Amino acid sequence: MSIQNERQLRNTRTKLADLEAEYRRISEAAESKPNAQTTELTLRSLGTVMKQLKEEIAQYETRRVNRTG
């Protein structure tokens, strides 16, 4: 997927913020349940999606800067 416009950029940033909040919530809850494999896999999955969204935002912002000169 590639961000095509400002609306998609805003939506992607909102989704990223939601995922980051969920990641923090799960991480904090995991402190009381160490070594839980499900928690570890969930955090890894969320981390992967967050990284992808950050890359998409960076790519869009780079294209936007290049278009405006």
PDB file of N, CA and C in Angstrom:
ATOM      1  N   MET A   1       0.844  -1.185   0.000  1.00  0.00           N
ATOM      2  CA  MET A   1       0.000   0.000   0.000  1.00  0.00           C
ATOM      3  C   MET A   1       0.881   1.238   0.000  1.00  0.00           C
ATOM      4  N   SER A   2       0.386   2.262  -0.630  1.00  0.00           N
ATOM      5  CA  SER A   2       1.130   3.507  -0.701  1.00  0.00           C
ATOM      6  C   SER A   2       0.171   4.665  -0.440  1.00  0.00           C
ATOM      7  N   ILE A   3       0.583   5.585   0.388  1.00  0.00           N
ATOM      8  CA  ILE A   3      -0.237   6.751   0.706  1.00  0.00           C
ATOM      9  C   ILE A   3      -0.263   7.657  -0.520  1.00  0.00           C
ATOM     10  N   GLN A   4      -1.466   8.058  -0.930  1.00  0.00           N
ATOM     11  CA  GLN A   4      -1.627   8.840  -2.152  1.00  0.00           C
ATOM     12  C   GLN A   4      -1.991  10.306  -1.924  1.00  0.00           C
ATOM     13  N   ASN A   5      -2.530  10.635  -0.741  1.00  0.00           N
ATOM     14  CA  ASN A   5      -2.965  12.012  -0.527  1.00  0.00           C
ATOM     15  C   ASN A   5      -2.949  12.354   0.966  1.00  0.00           C
ATOM     16  N   GLU A   6      -3.251  13.599   1.258  1.00  0.00           N
ATOM     17  CA  GLU A   6      -3.198  14.089   2.640  1.00  0.00           C
ATOM     18  C   GLU A   6      -4.213  13.398   3.544  1.00  0.00           C
ATOM     19  N   ARG A   7      -5.369  13.069   3.013  1.00  0.00           N
ATOM     20  CA  ARG A   7      -6.385  12.372   3.808  1.00  0.00           C
ATOM     21  C   ARG A   7      -5.865  11.004   4.243  1.00  0.00           C
ATOM     22  N   GLN A   8      -5.273  10.277   3.319  1.00  0.00           N
ATOM     23  CA  GLN A   8      -4.699   8.979   3.657  1.00  0.00           C
ATOM     24  C   GLN A   8      -3.546   9.134   4.646  1.00  0.00           C
ATOM     25  N   LEU A   9      -2.780  10.201   4.508  1.00  0.00           N
ATOM     26  CA  LEU A   9      -1.684  10.463   5.440  1.00  0.00           C
ATOM     27  C   LEU A   9      -2.230  10.662   6.854  1.00  0.00           C
ATOM     28  N   ARG A  10      -3.265  11.482   6.993  1.00  0.00           N
ATOM     29  CA  ARG A  10      -3.881  11.704   8.311  1.00  0.00           C
ATOM     30  C   ARG A  10      -4.411  10.396   8.896  1.00  0.00           C
ATOM     31  N   ASN A  11      -5.096   9.614   8.069  1.00  0.00           N
ATOM     32  CA  ASN A  11      -5.639   8.340   8.538  1.00  0.00           C
ATOM     33  C   ASN A  11      -4.531   7.381   8.968  1.00  0.00           C
ATOM     34  N   THR A  12      -3.441   7.366   8.227  1.00  0.00           N
ATOM     35  CA  THR A  12      -2.320   6.487   8.555  1.00  0.00           C
ATOM     36  C   THR A  12      -1.672   6.922   9.856  1.00  0.00           C
ATOM     37  N   ARG A  13      -1.512   8.221  10.047  1.00  0.00           N
ATOM     38  CA  ARG A  13      -0.939   8.719  11.302  1.00  0.00           C
ATOM     39  C   ARG A  13      -1.830   8.382  12.492  1.00  0.00           C
ATOM     40  N   THR A  14      -3.141   8.479  12.296  1.00  0.00           N
ATOM     41  CA  THR A  14      -4.086   8.130  13.358  1.00  0.00           C
ATOM     42  C   THR A  14      -3.980   6.650  13.695  1.00  0.00           C
ATOM     43  N   LYS A  15      -3.937   5.811  12.673  1.00  0.00           N
ATOM     44  CA  LYS A  15      -3.812   4.369  12.885  1.00  0.00           C
ATOM     45  C   LYS A  15      -2.500   4.043  13.596  1.00  0.00           C
ATOM     46  N   LEU A  16      -1.422   4.696  13.195  1.00  0.00           N
ATOM     47  CA  LEU A  16      -0.128   4.478  13.834  1.00  0.00           C
ATOM     48  C   LEU A  16      -0.191   4.852  15.315  1.00  0.00           C
ATOM     49  N   ALA A  17      -0.790   5.981  15.624  1.00  0.00           N
ATOM     50  CA  ALA A  17      -0.910   6.409  17.026  1.00  0.00           C
ATOM     51  C   ALA A  17      -1.729   5.399  17.831  1.00  0.00           C
ATOM     52  N   ASP A  18      -2.800   4.882  17.234  1.00  0.00           N
ATOM     53  CA  ASP A  18      -3.615   3.871  17.914  1.00  0.00           C
ATOM     54  C   ASP A  18      -2.810   2.604  18.183  1.00  0.00           C
ATOM     55  N   LEU A  19      -2.042   2.169  17.185  1.00  0.00           N
ATOM     56  CA  LEU A  19      -1.227   0.962  17.342  1.00  0.00           C
ATOM     57  C   LEU A  19      -0.141   1.162  18.398  1.00  0.00           C
ATOM     58  N   GLU A  20       0.470   2.344  18.408  1.00  0.00           N
ATOM     59  CA  GLU A  20       1.503   2.627  19.411  1.00  0.00           C
ATOM     60  C   GLU A  20       0.916   2.603  20.818  1.00  0.00           C
ATOM     61  N   ALA A  21      -0.290   3.136  20.972  1.00  0.00           N
ATOM     62  CA  ALA A  21      -0.951   3.117  22.281  1.00  0.00           C
ATOM     63  C   ALA A  21      -1.266   1.679  22.699  1.00  0.00           C
ATOM     64  N   GLU A  22      -1.733   0.887  21.767  1.00  0.00           N
ATOM     65  CA  GLU A  22      -2.036  -0.514  22.062  1.00  0.00           C
ATOM     66  C   GLU A  22      -0.764  -1.285  22.411  1.00  0.00           C
ATOM     67  N   TYR A  23       0.313  -0.994  21.703  1.00  0.00           N
ATOM     68  CA  TYR A  23       1.601  -1.635  21.978  1.00  0.00           C
ATOM     69  C   TYR A  23       2.047  -1.327  23.408  1.00  0.00           C
ATOM     70  N   ARG A  24       1.943  -0.050  23.789  1.00  0.00           N
ATOM     71  CA  ARG A  24       2.320   0.342  25.154  1.00  0.00           C
ATOM     72  C   ARG A  24       1.439  -0.354  26.191  1.00  0.00           C
ATOM     73  N   ARG A  25       0.133  -0.406  25.920  1.00  0.00           N
ATOM     74  CA  ARG A  25      -0.802  -1.033  26.855  1.00  0.00           C
ATOM     75  C   ARG A  25      -0.468  -2.515  27.045  1.00  0.00           C
ATOM     76  N   ILE A  26      -0.218  -3.203  25.950  1.00  0.00           N
ATOM     77  CA  ILE A  26       0.103  -4.632  26.029  1.00  0.00           C
ATOM     78  C   ILE A  26       1.449  -4.839  26.716  1.00  0.00           C
ATOM     79  N   SER A  27       2.419  -3.983  26.402  1.00  0.00           N
ATOM     80  CA  SER A  27       3.744  -4.100  27.033  1.00  0.00           C
ATOM     81  C   SER A  27       3.654  -3.940  28.540  1.00  0.00           C
ATOM     82  N   GLU A  28       2.883  -2.962  28.978  1.00  0.00           N
ATOM     83  CA  GLU A  28       2.731  -2.731  30.413  1.00  0.00           C
ATOM     84  C   GLU A  28       2.004  -3.891  31.084  1.00  0.00           C
ATOM     85  N   ALA A  29       0.995  -4.435  30.419  1.00  0.00           N
ATOM     86  CA  ALA A  29       0.260  -5.568  30.977  1.00  0.00           C
ATOM     87  C   ALA A  29       1.138  -6.812  31.024  1.00  0.00           C
ATOM     88  N   ALA A  30       2.061  -6.925  30.087  1.00  0.00           N
ATOM     89  CA  ALA A  30       2.933  -8.104  30.015  1.00  0.00           C
ATOM     90  C   ALA A  30       3.914  -8.162  31.175  1.00  0.00           C
ATOM     91  N   GLU A  31       4.162  -7.034  31.807  1.00  0.00           N
ATOM     92  CA  GLU A  31       5.090  -7.021  32.942  1.00  0.00           C
ATOM     93  C   GLU A  31       4.604  -7.929  34.066  1.00  0.00           C
ATOM     94  N   SER A  32       3.297  -8.098  34.169  1.00  0.00           N
ATOM     95  CA  SER A  32       2.753  -8.974  35.206  1.00  0.00           C
ATOM     96  C   SER A  32       2.673 -10.426  34.736  1.00  0.00           C
ATOM     97  N   LYS A  33       2.875 -10.655  33.422  1.00  0.00           N
ATOM     98  CA  LYS A  33       2.853 -12.012  32.872  1.00  0.00           C
ATOM     99  C   LYS A  33       4.096 -12.229  32.011  1.00  0.00           C
ATOM    100  N   PRO A  34       5.263 -12.306  32.614  1.00  0.00           N
ATOM    101  CA  PRO A  34       6.475 -12.460  31.816  1.00  0.00           C
ATOM    102  C   PRO A  34       6.495 -13.789  31.062  1.00  0.00           C
ATOM    103  N   ASN A  35       7.196 -13.767  29.934  1.00  0.00           N
ATOM    104  CA  ASN A  35       7.403 -14.957  29.109  1.00  0.00           C
ATOM    105  C   ASN A  35       6.136 -15.498  28.468  1.00  0.00           C
ATOM    106  N   ALA A  36       5.134 -14.702  28.324  1.00  0.00           N
ATOM    107  CA  ALA A  36       3.920 -15.145  27.653  1.00  0.00           C
ATOM    108  C   ALA A  36       4.155 -15.091  26.145  1.00  0.00           C
ATOM    109  N   GLN A  37       4.155 -16.255  25.515  1.00  0.00           N
ATOM    110  CA  GLN A  37       4.466 -16.323  24.088  1.00  0.00           C
ATOM    111  C   GLN A  37       3.460 -15.542  23.250  1.00  0.00           C
ATOM    112  N   THR A  38       2.193 -15.609  23.596  1.00  0.00           N
ATOM    113  CA  THR A  38       1.177 -14.886  22.840  1.00  0.00           C
ATOM    114  C   THR A  38       1.432 -13.390  22.881  1.00  0.00           C
ATOM    115  N   THR A  39       1.782 -12.882  24.041  1.00  0.00           N
ATOM    116  CA  THR A  39       2.071 -11.459  24.175  1.00  0.00           C
ATOM    117  C   THR A  39       3.273 -11.073  23.332  1.00  0.00           C
ATOM    118  N   GLU A  40       4.298 -11.887  23.371  1.00  0.00           N
ATOM    119  CA  GLU A  40       5.498 -11.607  22.586  1.00  0.00           C
ATOM    120  C   GLU A  40       5.185 -11.567  21.094  1.00  0.00           C
ATOM    121  N   LEU A  41       4.401 -12.529  20.626  1.00  0.00           N
ATOM    122  CA  LEU A  41       4.053 -12.569  19.206  1.00  0.00           C
ATOM    123  C   LEU A  41       3.164 -11.389  18.816  1.00  0.00           C
ATOM    124  N   THR A  42       2.253 -11.020  19.699  1.00  0.00           N
ATOM    125  CA  THR A  42       1.384  -9.872  19.433  1.00  0.00           C
ATOM    126  C   THR A  42       2.206  -8.595  19.322  1.00  0.00           C
ATOM    127  N   LEU A  43       3.128  -8.398  20.254  1.00  0.00           N
ATOM    128  CA  LEU A  43       3.968  -7.201  20.225  1.00  0.00           C
ATOM    129  C   LEU A  43       4.843  -7.182  18.974  1.00  0.00           C
ATOM    130  N   ARG A  44       5.354  -8.331  18.594  1.00  0.00           N
ATOM    131  CA  ARG A  44       6.179  -8.410  17.389  1.00  0.00           C
ATOM    132  C   ARG A  44       5.353  -8.035  16.153  1.00  0.00           C
ATOM    133  N   SER A  45       4.130  -8.544  16.092  1.00  0.00           N
ATOM    134  CA  SER A  45       3.250  -8.244  14.969  1.00  0.00           C
ATOM    135  C   SER A  45       2.902  -6.756  14.923  1.00  0.00           C
ATOM    136  N   LEU A  46       2.543  -6.192  16.076  1.00  0.00           N
ATOM    137  CA  LEU A  46       2.244  -4.759  16.131  1.00  0.00           C
ATOM    138  C   LEU A  46       3.460  -3.939  15.722  1.00  0.00           C
ATOM    139  N   GLY A  47       4.627  -4.343  16.170  1.00  0.00           N
ATOM    140  CA  GLY A  47       5.855  -3.640  15.810  1.00  0.00           C
ATOM    141  C   GLY A  47       6.097  -3.646  14.313  1.00  0.00           C
ATOM    142  N   THR A  48       5.822  -4.781  13.675  1.00  0.00           N
ATOM    143  CA  THR A  48       5.992  -4.887  12.226  1.00  0.00           C
ATOM    144  C   THR A  48       5.042  -3.946  11.494  1.00  0.00           C
ATOM    145  N   VAL A  49       3.782  -3.925  11.916  1.00  0.00           N
ATOM    146  CA  VAL A  49       2.799  -3.048  11.273  1.00  0.00           C
ATOM    147  C   VAL A  49       3.163  -1.583  11.503  1.00  0.00           C
ATOM    148  N   MET A  50       3.588  -1.241  12.714  1.00  0.00           N
ATOM    149  CA  MET A  50       3.977   0.146  12.999  1.00  0.00           C
ATOM    150  C   MET A  50       5.152   0.565  12.131  1.00  0.00           C
ATOM    151  N   LYS A  51       6.118  -0.311  11.971  1.00  0.00           N
ATOM    152  CA  LYS A  51       7.276  -0.004  11.132  1.00  0.00           C
ATOM    153  C   LYS A  51       6.839   0.231   9.690  1.00  0.00           C
ATOM    154  N   GLN A  52       5.933  -0.603   9.200  1.00  0.00           N
ATOM    155  CA  GLN A  52       5.442  -0.449   7.833  1.00  0.00           C
ATOM    156  C   GLN A  52       4.728   0.893   7.659  1.00  0.00           C
ATOM    157  N   LEU A  53       3.889   1.261   8.613  1.00  0.00           N
ATOM    158  CA  LEU A  53       3.173   2.536   8.518  1.00  0.00           C
ATOM    159  C   LEU A  53       4.141   3.714   8.558  1.00  0.00           C
ATOM    160  N   LYS A  54       5.158   3.635   9.408  1.00  0.00           N
ATOM    161  CA  LYS A  54       6.165   4.702   9.472  1.00  0.00           C
ATOM    162  C   LYS A  54       6.901   4.830   8.141  1.00  0.00           C
ATOM    163  N   GLU A  55       7.205   3.700   7.515  1.00  0.00           N
ATOM    164  CA  GLU A  55       7.881   3.731   6.218  1.00  0.00           C
ATOM    165  C   GLU A  55       6.988   4.354   5.153  1.00  0.00           C
ATOM    166  N   GLU A  56       5.697   4.013   5.165  1.00  0.00           N
ATOM    167  CA  GLU A  56       4.766   4.591   4.199  1.00  0.00           C
ATOM    168  C   GLU A  56       4.645   6.102   4.393  1.00  0.00           C
ATOM    169  N   ILE A  57       4.592   6.548   5.638  1.00  0.00           N
ATOM    170  CA  ILE A  57       4.523   7.982   5.924  1.00  0.00           C
ATOM    171  C   ILE A  57       5.784   8.670   5.418  1.00  0.00           C
ATOM    172  N   ALA A  58       6.932   8.093   5.694  1.00  0.00           N
ATOM    173  CA  ALA A  58       8.202   8.684   5.255  1.00  0.00           C
ATOM    174  C   ALA A  58       8.279   8.748   3.733  1.00  0.00           C
ATOM    175  N   GLN A  59       7.839   7.693   3.053  1.00  0.00           N
ATOM    176  CA  GLN A  59       7.864   7.687   1.590  1.00  0.00           C
ATOM    177  C   GLN A  59       6.957   8.771   1.031  1.00  0.00           C
ATOM    178  N   TYR A  60       5.754   8.894   1.597  1.00  0.00           N
ATOM    179  CA  TYR A  60       4.833   9.924   1.121  1.00  0.00           C
ATOM    180  C   TYR A  60       5.416  11.313   1.346  1.00  0.00           C
ATOM    181  N   GLU A  61       5.965  11.543   2.528  1.00  0.00           N
ATOM    182  CA  GLU A  61       6.530  12.858   2.825  1.00  0.00           C
ATOM    183  C   GLU A  61       7.710  13.170   1.914  1.00  0.00           C
ATOM    184  N   THR A  62       8.504  12.180   1.572  1.00  0.00           N
ATOM    185  CA  THR A  62       9.618  12.384   0.643  1.00  0.00           C
ATOM    186  C   THR A  62       9.094  12.753  -0.737  1.00  0.00           C
ATOM    187  N   ARG A  63       8.070  12.037  -1.205  1.00  0.00           N
ATOM    188  CA  ARG A  63       7.480  12.361  -2.516  1.00  0.00           C
ATOM    189  C   ARG A  63       6.884  13.765  -2.506  1.00  0.00           C
ATOM    190  N   ARG A  64       6.230  14.130  -1.398  1.00  0.00           N
ATOM    191  CA  ARG A  64       5.608  15.447  -1.291  1.00  0.00           C
ATOM    192  C   ARG A  64       6.671  16.546  -1.355  1.00  0.00           C
ATOM    193  N   VAL A  65       7.777  16.363  -0.646  1.00  0.00           N
ATOM    194  CA  VAL A  65       8.867  17.346  -0.658  1.00  0.00           C
ATOM    195  C   VAL A  65       9.464  17.451  -2.058  1.00  0.00           C
ATOM    196  N   ASN A  66       9.646  16.315  -2.709  1.00  0.00           N
ATOM    197  CA  ASN A  66      10.220  16.324  -4.055  1.00  0.00           C
ATOM    198  C   ASN A  66       9.302  17.002  -5.065  1.00  0.00           C
ATOM    199  N   ARG A  67       7.986  16.887  -4.876  1.00  0.00           N
ATOM    200  CA  ARG A  67       7.037  17.538  -5.781  1.00  0.00           C
ATOM    201  C   ARG A  67       7.029  19.053  -5.602  1.00  0.00           C
ATOM    202  N   THR A  68       7.194  19.500  -4.354  1.00  0.00           N
ATOM    203  CA  THR A  68       7.123  20.935  -4.089  1.00  0.00           C
ATOM    204  C   THR A  68       8.466  21.619  -4.282  1.00  0.00           C
ATOM    205  N   GLY A  69       9.487  20.820  -4.475  1.00  0.00           N
ATOM    206  CA  GLY A  69      10.788  21.366  -4.808  1.00  0.00           C
ATOM    207  C   GLY A  69      11.577  21.786  -3.663  1.00  0.00           C
TER     208      GLY A  69
END
